Amino acid sequence: MKKITFLLSLFLLISSCGVKQTQNLLSSGNYDQAIDNAVSNLRTNKDKKGKQDYVYLLEEAFAKAKERDLNAINLLAKDANPAQLEKMYNTYLQLNSRQEKIKPLLPLKLIKEGRNAIFPFDNYNDQIIDSKNALSAYLYTNVKKLMGTSDKMNYRKAYDDMEYLNQITPNYKNVLQLMDEAKFKGSDYVSVYTKNETNMIIPVRLQNDLLDFSTYGLNDKWTVYHSNKQKGIDYDYGMVINFRHIYISPEQIKEREFVKDRIIKDGVKKLIDANGKEVLDEKGKVVMVDDMRNATVRIYEFRQFKSCQITAKVDYINFKSNQSLQSFPIASEFIFENIYATYKGDRRASDDNYYSYFDKRAVAFPSNEQMVYDTGEDLKAKIKDVISRNRFRN
């Protein structure tokens, strides 16, 4: 009984908090949020007596929200500023959306007053279409003005406006064609190439990998990287991957010999008491215990080692001013290592995680070219980090 009373009290408290929150939203002018709260609570058991407060709040919030939106539209219409057309269009959409949100709940009863809550709905279809057409025409005219300049930023603004225009009025005039033009003229084009200041040959496949920007996963809407210059493109920037030093260590094989001792289990044996007799369990059977003994192994370990270090820098160049913008030093290292071992004695005396070395053998060292290429994988990740953190244009 106490549990039921507690749960009922908790339910009433939560309901009271929900109503209070909705009242506060209404009082502070957050009408649509108050409507959302009320609608959410009325989706189930809307005719229950405990939901009556939400019906009253919804009726009041809807009336006030509608009045405020219509007043805003009247003011915008009197102002007659085409730059406000988007606001007018969105306000009509908001008026319609608010109605559609409430319609599924109707009718909503006000029990004490013996009536249904009043929601004076209007048909805004004509206003939505008219304001959308006016907005589309304004956006198109403004886009043409922006694209009449040579400013990349204007082309980017035009592209964004056309993207929005194509959302509200798909395939409006030649918008898709203009979007392609704005994308092309608003983009920064970067010529990417490598320089080699070392006394070693850089593997061709490494250069190709570093210059293959399709694998970098960079998502930059307005920057296009080309490793091969294309006709008809006036490049804005250059990015030079400059190899400064490459150091490759000699091939090394280090040997060491050591002994390991360990107490190991070597089967089972009969348990013998202090008198030399077999110990029996309660069933009369001989008790068996682990047979532990000391094991020794002599291990001969071989470690093959070779390393490669590359130091480089990434230079940003402004082709328009022919000036260096920024320079970023980077360094990468790749280590080849192979450990294998042989033994004499009982291998069980060695550490369990050492067993894998006994199954390995010597392998051929990678060539210098392969070492440089493998180092390039880390180098590529660092180049990507440089580009991600440092855009050509802020």
Protein backbone atom coordinates (compact mmCIF):
# COMPACT_ATOMS: atom_id res chain seq x y z
CA MET A 1 0.00 0.00 0.00
CA LYS A 2 2.82 2.40 0.89
CA LYS A 3 4.49 1.64 -2.43
CA ILE A 4 1.31 2.48 -4.39
CA THR A 5 0.88 5.73 -2.42
CA PHE A 6 4.50 6.66 -3.10
CA LEU A 7 4.20 6.00 -6.84
CA LEU A 8 0.96 8.01 -7.02
CA SER A 9 2.61 10.93 -5.22
CA LEU A 10 5.62 10.73 -7.55
CA PHE A 11 3.33 10.74 -10.62
CA LEU A 12 1.42 13.79 -9.36
CA LEU A 13 4.69 15.59 -8.63
CA ILE A 14 6.05 14.92 -12.12
CA SER A 15 2.75 16.03 -13.70
CA SER A 16 2.75 19.19 -11.61
CA CYS A 17 6.34 19.98 -12.66
CA GLY A 18 5.40 19.49 -16.33
CA VAL A 19 2.45 21.90 -16.07
CA LYS A 20 4.55 24.45 -14.17
CA GLN A 21 7.30 24.29 -16.79
CA THR A 22 4.76 24.83 -19.58
CA GLN A 23 3.24 27.77 -17.69
CA ASN A 24 6.70 29.33 -17.29
CA LEU A 25 7.39 28.95 -21.02
CA LEU A 26 4.08 30.61 -21.83
CA SER A 27 4.75 33.47 -19.40
CA SER A 28 8.21 34.09 -20.86
CA GLY A 29 6.93 34.24 -24.46
CA ASN A 30 8.31 30.85 -25.54
CA TYR A 31 4.97 29.98 -27.07
CA ASP A 32 6.09 27.27 -29.48
CA GLN A 33 8.05 25.45 -26.82
CA ALA A 34 5.02 25.63 -24.54
CA ILE A 35 2.92 24.21 -27.40
CA ASP A 36 5.43 21.36 -27.88
CA ASN A 37 5.28 20.51 -24.16
CA ALA A 38 1.49 20.53 -24.12
CA VAL A 39 1.16 18.50 -27.33
CA SER A 40 3.64 15.93 -26.02
CA ASN A 41 1.63 15.46 -22.82
CA LEU A 42 -1.71 15.29 -24.66
CA ARG A 43 -0.72 12.55 -27.10
CA THR A 44 -1.91 9.94 -24.62
CA ASN A 45 -5.02 10.01 -22.43
CA LYS A 46 -5.89 13.51 -23.64
CA ASP A 47 -9.41 13.39 -22.12
CA LYS A 48 -8.22 12.59 -18.60
CA LYS A 49 -9.05 15.16 -15.95
CA GLY A 50 -5.39 15.45 -15.02
CA LYS A 51 -4.57 16.68 -18.55
CA GLN A 52 -6.99 19.65 -18.45
CA ASP A 53 -4.28 22.17 -17.55
CA TYR A 54 -2.40 21.27 -20.71
CA VAL A 55 -5.50 21.87 -22.86
CA TYR A 56 -5.96 25.38 -21.41
CA LEU A 57 -2.25 26.14 -21.84
CA LEU A 58 -2.26 24.86 -25.42
CA GLU A 59 -5.27 26.98 -26.34
CA GLU A 60 -3.66 30.12 -24.90
CA ALA A 61 -0.17 29.48 -26.33
CA PHE A 62 -1.58 28.85 -29.81
CA ALA A 63 -3.60 32.08 -29.80
CA LYS A 64 -0.64 34.17 -28.63
CA ALA A 65 1.83 32.55 -31.04
CA LYS A 66 -0.52 33.08 -33.97
CA GLU A 67 -1.14 36.72 -33.03
CA ARG A 68 2.60 37.41 -32.74
CA ASP A 69 3.39 35.80 -36.12
CA LEU A 70 0.60 37.66 -37.95
CA ASN A 71 1.73 40.97 -36.45
CA ALA A 72 5.30 40.23 -37.57
CA ILE A 73 4.07 39.48 -41.11
CA ASN A 74 2.07 42.71 -41.23
CA LEU A 75 5.15 44.67 -40.18
CA LEU A 76 7.31 42.94 -42.80
CA ALA A 77 4.71 43.63 -45.49
CA LYS A 78 4.64 47.33 -44.62
CA ASP A 79 8.44 47.51 -44.59
CA ALA A 80 8.49 46.00 -48.10
CA ASN A 81 12.19 45.11 -47.80
CA PRO A 82 12.95 42.20 -50.16
CA ALA A 83 15.73 41.09 -47.84
CA GLN A 84 12.98 40.17 -45.33
CA LEU A 85 11.17 37.85 -47.73
CA GLU A 86 12.82 34.75 -46.27
CA LYS A 87 11.62 35.71 -42.79
CA MET A 88 8.07 36.20 -44.11
CA TYR A 89 8.13 32.84 -45.92
CA ASN A 90 9.41 31.01 -42.85
CA THR A 91 6.79 32.68 -40.64
CA TYR A 92 3.99 31.41 -42.89
CA LEU A 93 5.54 27.93 -42.75
CA GLN A 94 5.65 28.21 -38.98
CA LEU A 95 1.96 29.20 -38.80
CA ASN A 96 1.00 26.19 -40.92
CA SER A 97 3.31 23.77 -39.10
CA ARG A 98 1.88 24.79 -35.74
CA GLN A 99 -1.64 23.97 -36.91
CA GLU A 100 -0.58 20.60 -38.32
CA LYS A 101 0.98 19.75 -34.97
CA ILE A 102 -2.30 20.30 -33.11
CA LYS A 103 -4.79 18.85 -35.65
CA PRO A 104 -4.25 15.16 -34.74
CA LEU A 105 -5.26 15.90 -31.12
CA LEU A 106 -8.60 17.53 -31.91
CA PRO A 107 -11.16 17.72 -30.46
CA LEU A 108 -9.77 18.66 -27.05
CA LYS A 109 -12.45 18.94 -24.33
CA LEU A 110 -12.58 21.56 -21.59
CA ILE A 111 -14.66 19.61 -19.08
CA LYS A 112 -15.52 22.41 -16.64
CA GLU A 113 -16.72 24.71 -19.41
CA GLY A 114 -18.51 22.01 -21.33
CA ARG A 115 -16.88 22.94 -24.62
CA ASN A 116 -14.02 22.05 -26.93
CA ALA A 117 -10.86 24.13 -26.93
CA ILE A 118 -10.84 26.72 -29.70
CA PHE A 119 -8.08 26.76 -32.29
CA PRO A 120 -8.95 29.14 -35.16
CA PHE A 121 -7.07 27.52 -38.06
CA ASP A 122 -6.48 29.29 -41.39
CA ASN A 123 -5.39 28.08 -44.81
CA TYR A 124 -1.97 29.59 -45.54
CA ASN A 125 -1.30 27.74 -48.81
CA ASP A 126 -1.64 30.81 -51.03
CA GLN A 127 0.51 32.95 -48.74
CA ILE A 128 3.19 30.24 -48.55
CA ILE A 129 3.33 29.90 -52.34
CA ASP A 130 3.29 33.67 -52.95
CA SER A 131 6.02 34.37 -50.41
CA LYS A 132 8.09 31.45 -51.70
CA ASN A 133 7.84 32.71 -55.29
CA ALA A 134 8.79 36.23 -54.24
CA LEU A 135 11.71 34.90 -52.20
CA SER A 136 12.89 32.68 -55.08
CA ALA A 137 12.82 35.61 -57.51
CA TYR A 138 14.72 37.80 -55.04
CA LEU A 139 17.36 35.15 -54.39
CA TYR A 140 17.85 34.56 -58.12
CA THR A 141 18.26 38.29 -58.83
CA ASN A 142 20.69 38.69 -55.95
CA VAL A 143 22.69 35.64 -57.09
CA LYS A 144 23.11 37.14 -60.56
CA LYS A 145 24.46 40.33 -58.97
CA LEU A 146 26.92 38.42 -56.80
CA MET A 147 28.16 36.41 -59.78
CA GLY A 148 28.73 39.59 -61.75
CA THR A 149 31.85 40.23 -59.66
CA SER A 150 35.24 38.55 -59.55
CA ASP A 151 35.21 38.03 -55.78
CA LYS A 152 35.44 34.37 -54.73
CA MET A 153 33.56 35.11 -51.52
CA ASN A 154 30.64 36.47 -53.55
CA TYR A 155 30.56 33.27 -55.58
CA ARG A 156 30.49 31.24 -52.38
CA LYS A 157 27.62 33.33 -51.01
CA ALA A 158 25.82 32.92 -54.35
CA TYR A 159 26.31 29.15 -54.20
CA ASP A 160 24.84 28.92 -50.69
CA ASP A 161 21.85 31.07 -51.73
CA MET A 162 21.26 28.87 -54.77
CA GLU A 163 21.52 25.74 -52.66
CA TYR A 164 18.73 27.12 -50.47
CA LEU A 165 16.77 28.28 -53.53
CA ASN A 166 16.98 24.79 -55.02
CA GLN A 167 15.62 23.35 -51.78
CA ILE A 168 12.51 25.54 -51.67
CA THR A 169 11.97 25.67 -55.47
CA PRO A 170 13.75 22.72 -57.15
CA ASN A 171 15.11 23.28 -60.68
CA TYR A 172 14.32 27.00 -60.63
CA LYS A 173 15.35 28.44 -64.02
CA ASN A 174 19.06 27.67 -64.64
CA VAL A 175 20.03 27.49 -60.97
CA LEU A 176 21.78 24.09 -61.24
CA GLN A 177 23.98 25.40 -64.04
CA LEU A 178 24.75 28.56 -62.05
CA MET A 179 25.62 26.45 -59.00
CA ASP A 180 28.27 24.59 -61.02
CA GLU A 181 29.70 27.90 -62.18
CA ALA A 182 29.70 29.38 -58.67
CA LYS A 183 31.36 26.25 -57.26
CA PHE A 184 34.10 26.44 -59.89
CA LYS A 185 34.74 30.18 -59.54
CA GLY A 186 34.39 30.24 -55.77
CA SER A 187 36.87 27.44 -55.08
CA ASP A 188 40.52 27.82 -54.19
CA TYR A 189 42.72 25.62 -56.37
CA VAL A 190 45.91 24.25 -54.86
CA SER A 191 48.76 22.77 -56.86
CA VAL A 192 50.45 20.06 -54.79
CA TYR A 193 53.93 18.77 -55.63
CA THR A 194 57.07 17.36 -54.02
CA LYS A 195 60.67 18.49 -53.86
CA ASN A 196 63.63 16.30 -53.01
CA GLU A 197 66.58 17.98 -51.25
CA THR A 198 68.06 14.68 -50.08
CA ASN A 199 70.75 12.66 -51.78
CA MET A 200 68.42 9.68 -52.11
CA ILE A 201 65.81 8.70 -54.68
CA ILE A 202 62.25 9.04 -53.40
CA PRO A 203 60.17 6.01 -54.47
CA VAL A 204 57.70 6.96 -57.18
CA ARG A 205 54.85 5.10 -55.47
CA LEU A 206 55.50 7.09 -52.27
CA GLN A 207 55.25 10.37 -54.17
CA ASN A 208 52.07 9.15 -55.86
CA ASP A 209 50.56 8.16 -52.50
CA LEU A 210 51.41 11.50 -50.89
CA LEU A 211 49.89 13.38 -53.81
CA ASP A 212 46.73 11.26 -53.98
CA PHE A 213 44.45 13.58 -52.04
CA SER A 214 41.39 11.42 -52.66
CA THR A 215 42.70 9.15 -49.89
CA TYR A 216 43.21 11.93 -47.32
CA GLY A 217 39.52 12.12 -46.41
CA LEU A 218 39.65 15.92 -46.22
CA ASN A 219 36.22 17.49 -46.44
CA ASP A 220 36.82 21.06 -47.55
CA LYS A 221 33.96 22.48 -49.57
CA TRP A 222 35.94 25.29 -51.19
CA THR A 223 39.46 23.89 -51.59
CA VAL A 224 40.47 21.63 -54.48
CA TYR A 225 43.87 19.89 -54.54
CA HIS A 226 45.52 18.86 -57.82
CA SER A 227 48.77 16.94 -58.10
CA ASN A 228 48.75 17.51 -61.85
CA LYS A 229 47.93 20.97 -63.11
CA GLN A 230 44.84 21.11 -65.30
CA LYS A 231 44.21 23.38 -68.24
CA GLY A 232 41.81 26.25 -67.72
CA ILE A 233 42.47 26.56 -63.99
CA ASP A 234 44.22 29.57 -62.48
CA TYR A 235 45.81 28.14 -59.34
CA ASP A 236 45.60 30.23 -56.19
CA TYR A 237 48.00 28.36 -53.94
CA GLY A 238 50.82 25.87 -53.98
CA MET A 239 51.57 23.21 -51.42
CA VAL A 240 55.09 21.79 -51.54
CA ILE A 241 56.04 18.59 -49.70
CA ASN A 242 59.77 19.13 -49.36
CA PHE A 243 61.94 16.13 -48.38
CA ARG A 244 64.89 17.47 -46.36
CA HIS A 245 66.72 14.45 -44.94
CA ILE A 246 66.41 10.68 -45.14
CA TYR A 247 68.43 8.51 -42.78
CA ILE A 248 68.40 4.72 -43.01
CA SER A 249 70.29 2.75 -40.38
CA PRO A 250 72.54 -0.21 -41.26
CA GLU A 251 71.01 -3.67 -41.07
CA GLN A 252 71.70 -5.00 -37.58
CA ILE A 253 71.43 -8.40 -35.95
CA LYS A 254 71.90 -8.34 -32.18
CA GLU A 255 72.38 -11.57 -30.27
CA ARG A 256 72.06 -12.38 -26.61
CA GLU A 257 72.19 -15.55 -24.58
CA PHE A 258 70.51 -16.09 -21.23
CA VAL A 259 69.30 -18.86 -18.93
CA LYS A 260 65.83 -19.17 -17.42
CA ASP A 261 64.88 -21.36 -14.45
CA ARG A 262 61.29 -22.15 -13.55
CA ILE A 263 59.38 -24.60 -11.42
CA ILE A 264 56.95 -26.40 -13.73
CA LYS A 265 54.27 -29.05 -13.52
CA ASP A 266 55.50 -32.33 -14.99
CA GLY A 267 52.48 -34.58 -14.72
CA VAL A 268 50.97 -35.96 -11.47
CA LYS A 269 52.18 -38.28 -8.73
CA LYS A 270 50.88 -40.12 -5.72
CA LEU A 271 50.77 -38.18 -2.46
CA ILE A 272 53.08 -39.81 0.10
CA ASP A 273 52.94 -39.04 3.81
CA ALA A 274 55.88 -38.56 6.19
CA ASN A 275 56.06 -42.31 6.75
CA GLY A 276 56.40 -43.03 3.05
CA LYS A 277 52.88 -44.37 2.71
CA GLU A 278 50.31 -43.46 0.07
CA VAL A 279 47.64 -41.02 1.25
CA LEU A 280 44.07 -42.21 0.63
CA ASP A 281 40.89 -40.13 0.32
CA GLU A 282 37.58 -40.89 2.08
CA LYS A 283 36.70 -43.38 -0.69
CA GLY A 284 39.93 -45.25 -0.26
CA LYS A 285 41.50 -44.01 -3.48
CA VAL A 286 45.12 -42.81 -3.67
CA VAL A 287 45.33 -38.98 -3.66
CA MET A 288 47.13 -37.62 -6.74
CA VAL A 289 48.99 -34.26 -6.73
CA ASP A 290 50.89 -32.18 -9.28
CA ASP A 291 54.44 -33.35 -9.89
CA MET A 292 56.47 -30.11 -9.73
CA ARG A 293 60.12 -29.91 -10.72
CA ASN A 294 62.74 -27.36 -11.62
CA ALA A 295 63.31 -26.79 -15.37
CA THR A 296 66.12 -24.92 -17.05
CA VAL A 297 66.49 -23.58 -20.59
CA ARG A 298 69.30 -21.73 -22.33
CA ILE A 299 67.90 -19.23 -24.84
CA TYR A 300 69.72 -17.76 -27.84
CA GLU A 301 67.85 -14.63 -28.94
CA PHE A 302 68.38 -12.81 -32.25
CA ARG A 303 67.01 -9.33 -32.99
CA GLN A 304 66.96 -7.98 -36.53
CA PHE A 305 66.68 -4.20 -36.65
CA LYS A 306 66.57 -1.46 -39.27
CA SER A 307 65.13 2.04 -39.06
CA CYS A 308 64.32 4.92 -41.38
CA GLN A 309 63.78 8.56 -40.44
CA ILE A 310 62.47 11.21 -42.80
CA THR A 311 62.42 14.93 -42.08
CA ALA A 312 60.39 17.13 -44.37
CA LYS A 313 58.40 20.35 -44.40
CA VAL A 314 55.14 21.44 -45.94
CA ASP A 315 55.26 24.90 -47.53
CA TYR A 316 52.18 26.97 -48.35
CA ILE A 317 52.68 29.42 -51.23
CA ASN A 318 50.38 32.19 -52.45
CA PHE A 319 50.68 32.12 -56.24
CA LYS A 320 48.93 35.48 -56.60
CA SER A 321 51.56 37.33 -54.57
CA ASN A 322 54.31 34.73 -55.09
CA GLN A 323 54.97 34.73 -51.36
CA SER A 324 55.46 31.96 -48.83
CA LEU A 325 52.55 31.84 -46.40
CA GLN A 326 53.52 29.21 -43.83
CA SER A 327 55.97 26.38 -43.35
CA PHE A 328 55.38 23.28 -41.23
CA PRO A 329 58.26 20.93 -40.32
CA ILE A 330 57.34 17.25 -39.98
CA ALA A 331 59.30 14.12 -39.16
CA SER A 332 58.45 10.43 -39.41
CA GLU A 333 60.11 7.18 -38.46
CA PHE A 334 59.59 3.56 -39.38
CA ILE A 335 61.25 0.67 -37.53
CA PHE A 336 61.66 -2.83 -38.87
CA GLU A 337 62.21 -5.38 -36.11
CA ASN A 338 62.12 -9.16 -36.10
CA ILE A 339 62.91 -11.17 -32.97
CA TYR A 340 63.40 -14.92 -33.06
CA ALA A 341 65.08 -17.42 -30.78
CA THR A 342 66.39 -20.95 -30.39
CA TYR A 343 66.96 -22.86 -27.17
CA LYS A 344 68.60 -25.78 -25.45
CA GLY A 345 66.92 -27.48 -22.57
CA ASP A 346 63.29 -27.39 -21.48
CA ARG A 347 61.41 -24.58 -23.29
CA ARG A 348 58.73 -24.69 -20.60
CA ALA A 349 61.18 -22.88 -18.31
CA SER A 350 60.80 -19.72 -20.45
CA ASP A 351 58.00 -17.18 -20.01
CA ASP A 352 54.74 -18.21 -21.67
CA ASN A 353 54.65 -15.08 -23.85
CA TYR A 354 58.11 -15.92 -25.17
CA TYR A 355 57.05 -19.11 -26.95
CA SER A 356 56.15 -17.29 -30.17
CA TYR A 357 59.79 -16.32 -30.73
CA PHE A 358 60.78 -20.00 -30.90
CA ASP A 359 58.46 -20.43 -33.89
CA LYS A 360 60.01 -17.55 -35.82
CA ARG A 361 63.04 -17.49 -38.10
CA ALA A 362 65.27 -14.89 -39.69
CA VAL A 363 63.65 -12.93 -42.54
CA ALA A 364 65.08 -10.80 -45.31
CA PHE A 365 65.61 -7.17 -44.39
CA PRO A 366 63.37 -4.74 -46.32
CA SER A 367 65.13 -2.74 -49.03
CA ASN A 368 65.96 0.92 -48.49
CA GLU A 369 63.21 1.87 -50.95
CA GLN A 370 60.64 -0.18 -48.99
CA MET A 371 61.80 1.41 -45.73
CA VAL A 372 61.32 4.90 -47.17
CA TYR A 373 57.88 3.93 -48.51
CA ASP A 374 56.78 2.46 -45.16
CA THR A 375 57.92 5.63 -43.38
CA GLY A 376 55.75 7.56 -45.81
CA GLU A 377 52.58 6.07 -44.34
CA ASP A 378 53.20 7.96 -41.11
CA LEU A 379 54.36 10.99 -43.09
CA LYS A 380 51.05 11.06 -44.95
CA ALA A 381 49.10 11.08 -41.68
CA LYS A 382 51.12 14.04 -40.47
CA ILE A 383 50.61 15.94 -43.73
CA LYS A 384 46.87 15.36 -43.37
CA ASP A 385 47.03 16.74 -39.83
CA VAL A 386 48.87 19.85 -41.06
CA ILE A 387 46.23 20.52 -43.74
CA SER A 388 43.34 19.86 -41.34
CA ARG A 389 44.69 22.35 -38.82
CA ASN A 390 45.91 25.00 -41.25
CA ARG A 391 43.62 26.14 -44.07
CA PHE A 392 44.91 28.28 -46.90
CA ARG A 393 42.14 30.80 -46.38
CA ASN A 394 40.68 31.56 -42.94
